[in-house]
C-alpha atoms as a PDB file:
ATOM      1  CA  MET A   1     -80.581-238.810 167.130  1.00  0.00           C
ATOM      2  CA  GLY A   2     -80.280-237.462 163.614  1.00  0.00           C
ATOM      3  CA  GLU A   3     -77.403-234.920 163.925  1.00  0.00           C
ATOM      4  CA  GLY A   4     -75.100-235.076 161.469  1.00  0.00           C
ATOM      5  CA  LEU A   5     -76.626-237.701 159.248  1.00  0.00           C
ATOM      6  CA  PHE A   6     -75.709-236.037 155.885  1.00  0.00           C
ATOM      7  CA  GLN A   7     -72.356-234.727 156.527  1.00  0.00           C
ATOM      8  CA  PRO A   8     -70.136-234.557 153.390  1.00  0.00           C
ATOM      9  CA  TRP A   9     -68.323-237.444 153.931  1.00  0.00           C
ATOM     10  CA  HIS A  10     -71.314-239.731 154.388  1.00  0.00           C
ATOM     11  CA  LEU A  11     -72.748-238.135 151.033  1.00  0.00           C
ATOM     12  CA  LEU A  12     -69.177-238.944 149.136  1.00  0.00           C
ATOM     13  CA  ILE A  13     -69.215-242.564 150.451  1.00  0.00           C
ATOM     14  CA  ILE A  14     -72.890-243.205 149.211  1.00  0.00           C
ATOM     15  CA  VAL A  15     -72.021-241.901 145.941  1.00  0.00           C
ATOM     16  CA  ALA A  16     -68.869-244.076 145.713  1.00  0.00           C
ATOM     17  CA  ILE A  17     -70.995-247.084 146.609  1.00  0.00           C
ATOM     18  CA  ALA A  18     -73.599-246.022 143.995  1.00  0.00           C
ATOM     19  CA  LEU A  19     -70.803-245.781 141.343  1.00  0.00           C
ATOM     20  CA  LEU A  20     -69.209-249.228 142.220  1.00  0.00           C
ATOM     21  CA  VAL A  21     -72.813-250.819 142.046  1.00  0.00           C
ATOM     22  CA  PHE A  22     -74.255-249.264 139.074  1.00  0.00           C
ATOM     23  CA  GLY A  23     -71.007-248.324 137.180  1.00  0.00           C
ATOM     24  CA  THR A  24     -70.648-244.977 135.551  1.00  0.00           C
ATOM     25  CA  SER A  25     -72.844-245.532 132.588  1.00  0.00           C
ATOM     26  CA  LYS A  26     -75.936-246.134 134.459  1.00  0.00           C
ATOM     27  CA  PHE A  27     -74.824-243.403 136.932  1.00  0.00           C
ATOM     28  CA  SER A  28     -74.534-240.794 134.214  1.00  0.00           C
ATOM     29  CA  ALA A  29     -77.871-241.675 132.632  1.00  0.00           C
ATOM     30  CA  LEU A  30     -79.454-241.322 136.222  1.00  0.00           C
ATOM     31  CA  GLY A  31     -78.274-237.976 136.432  1.00  0.00           C
ATOM     32  CA  LYS A  32     -79.443-237.001 132.902  1.00  0.00           C
ATOM     33  CA  GLY A  33     -82.622-238.280 133.671  1.00  0.00           C
ATOM     34  CA  LEU A  34     -83.015-236.568 136.828  1.00  0.00           C
ATOM     35  CA  GLY A  35     -82.019-233.331 135.103  1.00  0.00           C
ATOM     36  CA  GLU A  36     -84.550-233.621 132.270  1.00  0.00           C
ATOM     37  CA  GLY A  37     -87.189-234.268 134.806  1.00  0.00           C
ATOM     38  CA  ILE A  38     -86.247-231.163 136.874  1.00  0.00           C
ATOM     39  CA  ARG A  39     -86.275-229.214 133.671  1.00  0.00           C
ATOM     40  CA  ASN A  40     -89.441-230.630 132.540  1.00  0.00           C
ATOM     41  CA  PHE A  41     -91.058-230.060 136.094  1.00  0.00           C
ATOM     42  CA  LYS A  42     -89.954-226.161 135.870  1.00  0.00           C
ATOM     43  CA  ALA A  43     -91.296-225.839 132.292  1.00  0.00           C
ATOM     44  CA  SER A  44     -94.666-227.004 133.348  1.00  0.00           C
ATOM     45  CA  MET A  45     -94.740-224.638 136.412  1.00  0.00           C
ATOM     46  CA  LYS A  46     -94.203-222.075 133.984  1.00  0.00           C
ATOM     47  CA  GLU A  47     -96.867-223.013 131.738  1.00  0.00           C
ATOM     48  CA  GLY A  48     -99.393-223.260 134.750  1.00  0.00           C
ATOM     49  CA  LYS A  49     -99.011-219.450 135.315  1.00  0.00           C
ATOM     50  CA  GLU A  50     -99.419-218.421 131.769  1.00  0.00           C
ATOM     51  CA  PRO A  51    -101.938-220.484 130.002  1.00  0.00           C
ATOM     52  CA  LYS A  52    -105.092-217.752 130.188  1.00  0.00           C
ATOM     53  CA  LYS A  53    -103.052-215.155 128.244  1.00  0.00           C
ATOM     54  CA  GLU A  54    -101.592-217.685 125.728  1.00  0.00           C
ATOM     55  CA  LYS A  55    -105.383-219.442 124.991  1.00  0.00           C
ATOM     56  CA  GLU A  56    -106.834-215.812 124.822  1.00  0.00           C
ATOM     57  CA  GLU A  57    -104.328-214.812 121.938  1.00  0.00           C
ATOM     58  CA  GLU A  58    -104.939-218.367 120.400  1.00  0.00           C
ATOM     59  CA  LYS A  59    -108.699-217.707 120.147  1.00  0.00           C
ATOM     60  CA  LYS A  60    -108.202-214.188 118.686  1.00  0.00           C
ATOM     61  CA  SER A  61    -106.195-215.489 115.903  1.00  0.00           C
END
């Protein structure tokens, strides 16, 4: 039923329609926002693993 749902041609058509609807400025802003969101998520994941060591060092100072 869902075989071949997201083939490369389908994705290209979706991107082309999005460009026509939103324009290039909105599309680039969307990409920038998505990239920043992913970057912030990765940074928060790294902080979640190491805060115990950093907090101990801050208390000693």
